[in-house]
Amino acid sequence: MHQPLDLPIMVLNVFIDTEFTDFVNPQLISIGLAAASGEVFYAEVPYSAELCSTFVRDVVLPLLGRVPHTECATAQVGQKMIDWLEEIRRDAEVRLCFDFQTDWDLFVQAIGHVPPSWCTPRLISSRNINALRRYAFYKHNNFPEHHALYDAMAARHAFRERN
């Protein structure tokens, strides 16, 4: 009789970044997810420019529209993200990595406040992101900062596991 092996649970890190209206009452503008396995998800949702801080109007809004066909109704973005995560996870546990609490809060709000059981949050610190690798990613790809997809991809590129 064979004993079942305790196989390690596979974990897929997915890095999240968002752009939002302001720090006082943040409303989602765009969200980017970059999986350690290479896949990416990006969506831009309708927003009110009147609710945006000066920084967001000056720096973030001009970067929108760079990725074609990513406009998404606010009511649909959550299901699209869950469908994408389900597709890429390949039976792995998904660890959603973020470096700013509002990114997680807006993700959870977008998906209807209940992450799937196979998704766990992980707040990563600056110790996990190599600043030089992050800078090199932006420079090499000629990407600006403060774009949700590019920032998620930069975090994925610069991430280093450290406890």
N, C-alpha and C. Protein backbone atom coordinates (compact mmCIF):
# COMPACT_ATOMS: atom_id res chain seq x y z
N MET A 1 0.84 -1.18 0.00
CA MET A 1 0.00 0.00 0.00
C MET A 1 0.89 1.24 0.00
N HIS A 2 0.61 2.18 -0.88
CA HIS A 2 1.41 3.39 -1.01
C HIS A 2 0.81 4.51 -0.19
N GLN A 3 1.68 5.21 0.50
CA GLN A 3 1.26 6.42 1.23
C GLN A 3 1.29 7.59 0.24
N PRO A 4 0.27 8.46 0.29
CA PRO A 4 0.34 9.63 -0.61
C PRO A 4 1.48 10.54 -0.21
N LEU A 5 2.14 11.05 -1.20
CA LEU A 5 3.24 11.97 -0.95
C LEU A 5 2.68 13.35 -0.64
N ASP A 6 3.29 14.02 0.30
CA ASP A 6 2.92 15.40 0.57
C ASP A 6 3.70 16.27 -0.41
N LEU A 7 3.08 16.55 -1.53
CA LEU A 7 3.72 17.36 -2.55
C LEU A 7 3.65 18.82 -2.13
N PRO A 8 4.69 19.57 -2.41
CA PRO A 8 4.64 20.99 -2.07
C PRO A 8 3.58 21.71 -2.91
N ILE A 9 2.94 22.66 -2.29
CA ILE A 9 1.95 23.46 -3.00
C ILE A 9 2.69 24.44 -3.88
N MET A 10 2.32 24.47 -5.13
CA MET A 10 2.93 25.40 -6.07
C MET A 10 2.34 26.79 -5.81
N VAL A 11 3.20 27.79 -5.82
CA VAL A 11 2.76 29.17 -5.59
C VAL A 11 3.19 30.02 -6.78
N LEU A 12 2.26 30.81 -7.27
CA LEU A 12 2.53 31.72 -8.37
C LEU A 12 2.41 33.14 -7.84
N ASN A 13 3.51 33.87 -7.84
CA ASN A 13 3.46 35.28 -7.45
C ASN A 13 2.88 36.10 -8.59
N VAL A 14 1.93 36.96 -8.25
CA VAL A 14 1.34 37.91 -9.19
C VAL A 14 1.45 39.28 -8.54
N PHE A 15 2.08 40.20 -9.24
CA PHE A 15 2.32 41.54 -8.70
C PHE A 15 1.21 42.48 -9.18
N ILE A 16 0.66 43.23 -8.22
CA ILE A 16 -0.46 44.14 -8.49
C ILE A 16 0.00 45.57 -8.33
N ASP A 17 -0.46 46.42 -9.23
CA ASP A 17 -0.30 47.86 -9.05
C ASP A 17 -1.56 48.54 -9.57
N THR A 18 -1.93 49.64 -8.92
CA THR A 18 -3.09 50.40 -9.35
C THR A 18 -2.73 51.86 -9.49
N GLU A 19 -3.52 52.55 -10.27
CA GLU A 19 -3.52 54.01 -10.29
C GLU A 19 -4.92 54.41 -9.87
N PHE A 20 -4.99 55.48 -9.08
CA PHE A 20 -6.28 55.87 -8.50
C PHE A 20 -6.36 57.38 -8.36
N THR A 21 -7.54 57.87 -8.07
CA THR A 21 -7.84 59.29 -8.13
C THR A 21 -7.06 60.14 -7.13
N ASP A 22 -7.04 59.75 -5.87
CA ASP A 22 -6.32 60.49 -4.84
C ASP A 22 -6.18 59.64 -3.59
N PHE A 23 -5.44 60.13 -2.62
CA PHE A 23 -5.21 59.36 -1.40
C PHE A 23 -6.36 59.46 -0.39
N VAL A 24 -7.16 60.52 -0.47
CA VAL A 24 -8.24 60.73 0.50
C VAL A 24 -9.39 59.77 0.26
N ASN A 25 -9.85 59.69 -0.96
CA ASN A 25 -10.95 58.79 -1.33
C ASN A 25 -10.58 58.10 -2.64
N PRO A 26 -9.67 57.12 -2.58
CA PRO A 26 -9.15 56.53 -3.82
C PRO A 26 -10.21 55.76 -4.61
N GLN A 27 -10.32 56.13 -5.87
CA GLN A 27 -11.19 55.43 -6.82
C GLN A 27 -10.29 54.89 -7.94
N LEU A 28 -10.51 53.64 -8.29
CA LEU A 28 -9.68 52.97 -9.28
C LEU A 28 -9.74 53.68 -10.63
N ILE A 29 -8.56 53.84 -11.23
CA ILE A 29 -8.43 54.35 -12.60
C ILE A 29 -7.92 53.23 -13.51
N SER A 30 -6.87 52.54 -13.05
CA SER A 30 -6.31 51.43 -13.83
C SER A 30 -5.67 50.42 -12.88
N ILE A 31 -5.57 49.19 -13.38
CA ILE A 31 -4.96 48.13 -12.57
C ILE A 31 -4.13 47.24 -13.49
N GLY A 32 -2.94 46.90 -13.00
CA GLY A 32 -2.04 46.03 -13.73
C GLY A 32 -1.65 44.85 -12.86
N LEU A 33 -1.60 43.68 -13.45
CA LEU A 33 -1.14 42.48 -12.77
C LEU A 33 -0.08 41.83 -13.64
N ALA A 34 1.02 41.42 -13.03
CA ALA A 34 2.11 40.79 -13.76
C ALA A 34 2.51 39.51 -13.03
N ALA A 35 2.27 38.38 -13.67
CA ALA A 35 2.57 37.08 -13.07
C ALA A 35 4.04 36.73 -13.23
N ALA A 36 4.58 36.05 -12.24
CA ALA A 36 5.98 35.60 -12.31
C ALA A 36 6.19 34.69 -13.51
N SER A 37 5.14 34.06 -14.00
CA SER A 37 5.23 33.17 -15.15
C SER A 37 5.23 33.93 -16.48
N GLY A 38 5.09 35.25 -16.44
CA GLY A 38 5.21 36.06 -17.64
C GLY A 38 3.94 36.72 -18.13
N GLU A 39 2.78 36.21 -17.79
CA GLU A 39 1.52 36.78 -18.26
C GLU A 39 1.24 38.12 -17.59
N VAL A 40 0.48 38.97 -18.29
CA VAL A 40 0.08 40.26 -17.74
C VAL A 40 -1.40 40.50 -17.99
N PHE A 41 -1.98 41.31 -17.11
CA PHE A 41 -3.36 41.76 -17.24
C PHE A 41 -3.36 43.26 -16.99
N TYR A 42 -4.12 43.99 -17.79
CA TYR A 42 -4.21 45.43 -17.58
C TYR A 42 -5.59 45.91 -17.99
N ALA A 43 -6.17 46.80 -17.19
CA ALA A 43 -7.46 47.39 -17.51
C ALA A 43 -7.51 48.83 -17.03
N GLU A 44 -8.19 49.63 -17.81
CA GLU A 44 -8.49 51.01 -17.44
C GLU A 44 -10.00 51.13 -17.31
N VAL A 45 -10.46 51.74 -16.22
CA VAL A 45 -11.89 51.87 -15.96
C VAL A 45 -12.30 53.34 -16.00
N PRO A 46 -13.58 53.61 -16.21
CA PRO A 46 -14.05 55.00 -16.21
C PRO A 46 -13.77 55.67 -14.86
N TYR A 47 -13.44 56.94 -14.89
CA TYR A 47 -13.14 57.70 -13.67
C TYR A 47 -13.60 59.13 -13.89
N SER A 48 -13.67 59.88 -12.81
CA SER A 48 -14.03 61.28 -12.88
C SER A 48 -12.77 62.12 -12.68
N ALA A 49 -12.39 62.87 -13.68
CA ALA A 49 -11.18 63.70 -13.59
C ALA A 49 -11.29 64.72 -12.46
N GLU A 50 -12.50 65.14 -12.14
CA GLU A 50 -12.70 66.11 -11.05
C GLU A 50 -12.28 65.55 -9.70
N LEU A 51 -12.30 64.23 -9.56
CA LEU A 51 -11.91 63.59 -8.30
C LEU A 51 -10.41 63.36 -8.19
N CYS A 52 -9.68 63.60 -9.27
CA CYS A 52 -8.25 63.31 -9.30
C CYS A 52 -7.44 64.43 -8.67
N SER A 53 -6.40 64.03 -7.97
CA SER A 53 -5.46 65.00 -7.41
C SER A 53 -4.69 65.67 -8.56
N THR A 54 -4.03 66.76 -8.25
CA THR A 54 -3.22 67.45 -9.26
C THR A 54 -2.14 66.52 -9.80
N PHE A 55 -1.48 65.75 -8.92
CA PHE A 55 -0.45 64.80 -9.36
C PHE A 55 -1.03 63.81 -10.36
N VAL A 56 -2.18 63.25 -10.05
CA VAL A 56 -2.80 62.26 -10.95
C VAL A 56 -3.14 62.90 -12.29
N ARG A 57 -3.72 64.09 -12.26
CA ARG A 57 -4.05 64.77 -13.52
C ARG A 57 -2.80 65.07 -14.34
N ASP A 58 -1.71 65.47 -13.67
CA ASP A 58 -0.48 65.86 -14.38
C ASP A 58 0.38 64.68 -14.82
N VAL A 59 0.41 63.62 -14.02
CA VAL A 59 1.36 62.53 -14.27
C VAL A 59 0.70 61.24 -14.73
N VAL A 60 -0.38 60.83 -14.09
CA VAL A 60 -0.99 59.53 -14.38
C VAL A 60 -1.90 59.57 -15.60
N LEU A 61 -2.81 60.50 -15.65
CA LEU A 61 -3.79 60.53 -16.74
C LEU A 61 -3.16 60.61 -18.12
N PRO A 62 -2.07 61.37 -18.33
CA PRO A 62 -1.45 61.38 -19.66
C PRO A 62 -0.89 60.03 -20.10
N LEU A 63 -0.71 59.09 -19.16
CA LEU A 63 -0.17 57.78 -19.51
C LEU A 63 -1.24 56.77 -19.91
N LEU A 64 -2.49 57.13 -19.70
CA LEU A 64 -3.58 56.21 -20.05
C LEU A 64 -3.69 56.10 -21.57
N GLY A 65 -4.23 54.97 -22.01
CA GLY A 65 -4.43 54.76 -23.44
C GLY A 65 -3.23 54.22 -24.18
N ARG A 66 -2.13 53.94 -23.48
CA ARG A 66 -0.93 53.41 -24.13
C ARG A 66 -1.06 51.95 -24.53
N VAL A 67 -1.92 51.21 -23.83
CA VAL A 67 -2.12 49.78 -24.12
C VAL A 67 -3.48 49.65 -24.79
N PRO A 68 -3.50 49.25 -26.07
CA PRO A 68 -4.77 49.20 -26.81
C PRO A 68 -5.76 48.19 -26.23
N HIS A 69 -7.04 48.51 -26.39
CA HIS A 69 -8.14 47.60 -26.07
C HIS A 69 -8.19 47.20 -24.60
N THR A 70 -7.91 48.12 -23.71
CA THR A 70 -7.90 47.79 -22.28
C THR A 70 -8.99 48.52 -21.50
N GLU A 71 -9.83 49.29 -22.19
CA GLU A 71 -10.92 49.96 -21.50
C GLU A 71 -11.90 48.89 -21.02
N CYS A 72 -12.39 49.07 -19.80
CA CYS A 72 -13.26 48.06 -19.21
C CYS A 72 -14.26 48.74 -18.29
N ALA A 73 -15.50 48.31 -18.33
CA ALA A 73 -16.50 48.83 -17.41
C ALA A 73 -16.11 48.44 -15.99
N THR A 74 -16.31 49.35 -15.07
CA THR A 74 -15.98 49.09 -13.66
C THR A 74 -16.65 47.82 -13.17
N ALA A 75 -17.89 47.59 -13.57
CA ALA A 75 -18.64 46.42 -13.11
C ALA A 75 -18.08 45.10 -13.66
N GLN A 76 -17.28 45.16 -14.72
CA GLN A 76 -16.76 43.94 -15.35
C GLN A 76 -15.31 43.64 -15.02
N VAL A 77 -14.55 44.62 -14.54
CA VAL A 77 -13.11 44.44 -14.37
C VAL A 77 -12.80 43.34 -13.35
N GLY A 78 -13.58 43.25 -12.29
CA GLY A 78 -13.32 42.23 -11.28
C GLY A 78 -13.42 40.82 -11.83
N GLN A 79 -14.49 40.54 -12.57
CA GLN A 79 -14.66 39.20 -13.14
C GLN A 79 -13.59 38.91 -14.18
N LYS A 80 -13.20 39.91 -14.96
CA LYS A 80 -12.14 39.70 -15.93
C LYS A 80 -10.82 39.33 -15.25
N MET A 81 -10.52 40.00 -14.12
CA MET A 81 -9.29 39.66 -13.38
C MET A 81 -9.35 38.25 -12.82
N ILE A 82 -10.48 37.87 -12.23
CA ILE A 82 -10.62 36.52 -11.68
C ILE A 82 -10.50 35.48 -12.78
N ASP A 83 -11.14 35.71 -13.92
CA ASP A 83 -11.04 34.78 -15.05
C ASP A 83 -9.59 34.64 -15.50
N TRP A 84 -8.87 35.77 -15.58
CA TRP A 84 -7.47 35.75 -15.99
C TRP A 84 -6.62 34.98 -14.98
N LEU A 85 -6.81 35.27 -13.70
CA LEU A 85 -6.06 34.56 -12.65
C LEU A 85 -6.34 33.06 -12.69
N GLU A 86 -7.59 32.69 -12.86
CA GLU A 86 -7.96 31.27 -12.94
C GLU A 86 -7.26 30.60 -14.12
N GLU A 87 -7.18 31.31 -15.24
CA GLU A 87 -6.55 30.76 -16.44
C GLU A 87 -5.04 30.55 -16.26
N ILE A 88 -4.36 31.49 -15.62
CA ILE A 88 -2.90 31.40 -15.54
C ILE A 88 -2.41 30.58 -14.36
N ARG A 89 -3.25 30.32 -13.38
CA ARG A 89 -2.75 29.72 -12.14
C ARG A 89 -2.37 28.25 -12.27
N ARG A 90 -2.96 27.54 -13.19
CA ARG A 90 -2.61 26.13 -13.42
C ARG A 90 -2.56 25.33 -12.13
N ASP A 91 -3.59 25.42 -11.32
CA ASP A 91 -3.74 24.72 -10.04
C ASP A 91 -2.78 25.18 -8.95
N ALA A 92 -2.07 26.25 -9.19
CA ALA A 92 -1.18 26.79 -8.16
C ALA A 92 -1.98 27.73 -7.24
N GLU A 93 -1.45 27.93 -6.05
CA GLU A 93 -1.97 28.98 -5.20
C GLU A 93 -1.43 30.29 -5.76
N VAL A 94 -2.25 31.31 -5.82
CA VAL A 94 -1.82 32.60 -6.32
C VAL A 94 -1.53 33.51 -5.13
N ARG A 95 -0.32 34.02 -5.09
CA ARG A 95 0.07 34.98 -4.06
C ARG A 95 0.09 36.35 -4.73
N LEU A 96 -0.86 37.19 -4.33
CA LEU A 96 -0.98 38.53 -4.90
C LEU A 96 -0.09 39.48 -4.11
N CYS A 97 0.97 39.93 -4.75
CA CYS A 97 1.99 40.75 -4.11
C CYS A 97 1.75 42.23 -4.41
N PHE A 98 1.79 43.04 -3.38
CA PHE A 98 1.58 44.48 -3.52
C PHE A 98 2.47 45.20 -2.53
N ASP A 99 2.86 46.42 -2.87
CA ASP A 99 3.74 47.18 -1.98
C ASP A 99 3.05 48.38 -1.34
N PHE A 100 1.74 48.50 -1.60
CA PHE A 100 0.98 49.62 -1.05
C PHE A 100 -0.43 49.10 -0.77
N GLN A 101 -0.90 49.29 0.45
CA GLN A 101 -2.17 48.70 0.87
C GLN A 101 -3.34 49.08 -0.03
N THR A 102 -3.36 50.30 -0.53
CA THR A 102 -4.46 50.73 -1.39
C THR A 102 -4.56 49.87 -2.65
N ASP A 103 -3.44 49.36 -3.16
CA ASP A 103 -3.48 48.47 -4.32
C ASP A 103 -4.33 47.24 -4.01
N TRP A 104 -4.09 46.63 -2.86
CA TRP A 104 -4.86 45.46 -2.44
C TRP A 104 -6.33 45.84 -2.22
N ASP A 105 -6.55 46.93 -1.53
CA ASP A 105 -7.92 47.36 -1.22
C ASP A 105 -8.73 47.57 -2.50
N LEU A 106 -8.14 48.21 -3.50
CA LEU A 106 -8.85 48.45 -4.76
C LEU A 106 -9.06 47.17 -5.55
N PHE A 107 -8.11 46.26 -5.50
CA PHE A 107 -8.28 44.94 -6.14
C PHE A 107 -9.46 44.22 -5.51
N VAL A 108 -9.48 44.15 -4.18
CA VAL A 108 -10.55 43.45 -3.47
C VAL A 108 -11.90 44.11 -3.76
N GLN A 109 -11.93 45.42 -3.77
CA GLN A 109 -13.17 46.13 -4.09
C GLN A 109 -13.64 45.78 -5.50
N ALA A 110 -12.71 45.73 -6.44
CA ALA A 110 -13.07 45.44 -7.84
C ALA A 110 -13.62 44.04 -8.02
N ILE A 111 -13.13 43.07 -7.25
CA ILE A 111 -13.61 41.69 -7.42
C ILE A 111 -14.81 41.38 -6.55
N GLY A 112 -15.33 42.36 -5.85
CA GLY A 112 -16.53 42.13 -5.05
C GLY A 112 -16.26 41.76 -3.61
N HIS A 113 -15.08 42.08 -3.12
CA HIS A 113 -14.71 41.96 -1.71
C HIS A 113 -14.39 40.54 -1.22
N VAL A 114 -14.46 39.53 -2.06
CA VAL A 114 -14.16 38.18 -1.60
C VAL A 114 -13.18 37.52 -2.57
N PRO A 115 -11.88 37.51 -2.23
CA PRO A 115 -10.92 36.84 -3.11
C PRO A 115 -11.18 35.33 -3.13
N PRO A 116 -10.89 34.67 -4.24
CA PRO A 116 -11.02 33.21 -4.28
C PRO A 116 -10.13 32.55 -3.21
N SER A 117 -10.51 31.37 -2.79
CA SER A 117 -9.77 30.68 -1.73
C SER A 117 -8.32 30.39 -2.14
N TRP A 118 -8.03 30.33 -3.42
CA TRP A 118 -6.68 30.03 -3.90
C TRP A 118 -5.83 31.28 -4.07
N CYS A 119 -6.33 32.44 -3.64
CA CYS A 119 -5.58 33.70 -3.69
C CYS A 119 -5.26 34.17 -2.27
N THR A 120 -4.00 34.49 -2.05
CA THR A 120 -3.61 35.05 -0.75
C THR A 120 -2.85 36.35 -0.98
N PRO A 121 -3.09 37.33 -0.12
CA PRO A 121 -2.37 38.60 -0.26
C PRO A 121 -0.98 38.53 0.37
N ARG A 122 -0.08 39.32 -0.17
CA ARG A 122 1.26 39.45 0.43
C ARG A 122 1.75 40.88 0.25
N LEU A 123 1.84 41.58 1.35
CA LEU A 123 2.42 42.92 1.34
C LEU A 123 3.93 42.77 1.29
N ILE A 124 4.53 43.24 0.21
CA ILE A 124 5.98 43.13 0.09
C ILE A 124 6.61 44.47 0.47
N SER A 125 7.77 44.38 1.05
CA SER A 125 8.44 45.60 1.51
C SER A 125 9.50 46.03 0.50
N SER A 126 10.06 47.19 0.75
CA SER A 126 11.11 47.69 -0.13
C SER A 126 12.33 46.77 -0.10
N ARG A 127 12.47 45.96 0.95
CA ARG A 127 13.58 45.01 1.01
C ARG A 127 13.46 43.94 -0.08
N ASN A 128 12.21 43.70 -0.55
CA ASN A 128 11.99 42.68 -1.57
C ASN A 128 12.15 43.22 -2.99
N ILE A 129 12.18 44.52 -3.15
CA ILE A 129 12.30 45.12 -4.47
C ILE A 129 13.68 45.77 -4.61
N ASN A 130 14.48 45.24 -5.51
CA ASN A 130 15.80 45.78 -5.75
C ASN A 130 15.66 47.06 -6.57
N ALA A 131 15.98 48.19 -5.96
CA ALA A 131 15.78 49.50 -6.58
C ALA A 131 16.56 49.65 -7.89
N LEU A 132 17.76 49.10 -7.95
CA LEU A 132 18.54 49.21 -9.18
C LEU A 132 17.93 48.40 -10.31
N ARG A 133 17.45 47.20 -10.01
CA ARG A 133 16.79 46.38 -11.04
C ARG A 133 15.49 47.03 -11.50
N ARG A 134 14.78 47.64 -10.58
CA ARG A 134 13.54 48.33 -10.92
C ARG A 134 13.84 49.50 -11.87
N TYR A 135 14.82 50.31 -11.50
CA TYR A 135 15.22 51.44 -12.34
C TYR A 135 15.66 50.96 -13.72
N ALA A 136 16.46 49.90 -13.75
CA ALA A 136 16.97 49.36 -15.01
C ALA A 136 15.82 48.86 -15.90
N PHE A 137 14.78 48.31 -15.29
CA PHE A 137 13.63 47.84 -16.06
C PHE A 137 12.97 49.01 -16.80
N TYR A 138 12.70 50.09 -16.08
CA TYR A 138 12.09 51.26 -16.72
C TYR A 138 13.00 51.82 -17.83
N LYS A 139 14.27 51.93 -17.53
CA LYS A 139 15.23 52.52 -18.48
C LYS A 139 15.35 51.65 -19.74
N HIS A 140 15.55 50.36 -19.55
CA HIS A 140 15.73 49.42 -20.67
C HIS A 140 14.51 49.39 -21.59
N ASN A 141 13.31 49.44 -21.01
CA ASN A 141 12.08 49.34 -21.79
C ASN A 141 11.51 50.70 -22.21
N ASN A 142 12.16 51.76 -21.75
CA ASN A 142 11.68 53.12 -22.02
C ASN A 142 10.23 53.30 -21.56
N PHE A 143 9.92 52.78 -20.36
CA PHE A 143 8.60 52.89 -19.76
C PHE A 143 8.62 53.98 -18.69
N PRO A 144 7.54 54.74 -18.58
CA PRO A 144 7.44 55.71 -17.49
C PRO A 144 6.91 55.03 -16.22
N GLU A 145 7.23 55.61 -15.09
CA GLU A 145 6.63 55.15 -13.83
C GLU A 145 5.22 55.72 -13.74
N HIS A 146 4.44 55.19 -12.80
CA HIS A 146 3.07 55.63 -12.52
C HIS A 146 2.08 55.20 -13.61
N HIS A 147 2.38 54.07 -14.22
CA HIS A 147 1.45 53.37 -15.11
C HIS A 147 1.27 52.00 -14.48
N ALA A 148 0.05 51.61 -14.18
CA ALA A 148 -0.20 50.41 -13.38
C ALA A 148 0.45 49.16 -13.96
N LEU A 149 0.36 48.96 -15.26
CA LEU A 149 0.95 47.75 -15.84
C LEU A 149 2.47 47.80 -15.77
N TYR A 150 3.06 48.91 -16.16
CA TYR A 150 4.52 49.00 -16.14
C TYR A 150 5.06 48.88 -14.72
N ASP A 151 4.35 49.46 -13.75
CA ASP A 151 4.79 49.37 -12.36
C ASP A 151 4.69 47.94 -11.83
N ALA A 152 3.64 47.21 -12.21
CA ALA A 152 3.52 45.80 -11.80
C ALA A 152 4.63 44.97 -12.43
N MET A 153 4.91 45.23 -13.71
CA MET A 153 5.99 44.50 -14.39
C MET A 153 7.35 44.83 -13.79
N ALA A 154 7.56 46.09 -13.41
CA ALA A 154 8.82 46.48 -12.79
C ALA A 154 9.00 45.79 -11.44
N ALA A 155 7.92 45.69 -10.68
CA ALA A 155 7.99 44.99 -9.38
C ALA A 155 8.32 43.52 -9.60
N ARG A 156 7.69 42.91 -10.59
CA ARG A 156 7.98 41.50 -10.90
C ARG A 156 9.46 41.33 -11.25
N HIS A 157 9.98 42.21 -12.06
CA HIS A 157 11.37 42.13 -12.51
C HIS A 157 12.34 42.34 -11.34
N ALA A 158 12.02 43.23 -10.44
CA ALA A 158 12.95 43.60 -9.37
C ALA A 158 12.76 42.82 -8.08
N PHE A 159 11.73 41.97 -8.02
CA PHE A 159 11.43 41.23 -6.79
C PHE A 159 12.52 40.23 -6.45
N ARG A 160 12.87 40.20 -5.18
CA ARG A 160 13.80 39.21 -4.64
C ARG A 160 13.24 38.72 -3.31
N GLU A 161 13.17 37.40 -3.17
CA GLU A 161 12.61 36.81 -1.94
C GLU A 161 13.56 37.06 -0.78
N ARG A 162 13.07 37.79 0.20
CA ARG A 162 13.83 38.04 1.41
C ARG A 162 12.87 38.07 2.58
N ASN A 163 13.22 37.44 3.66
CA ASN A 163 12.34 37.43 4.85
C ASN A 163 12.68 38.54 5.79
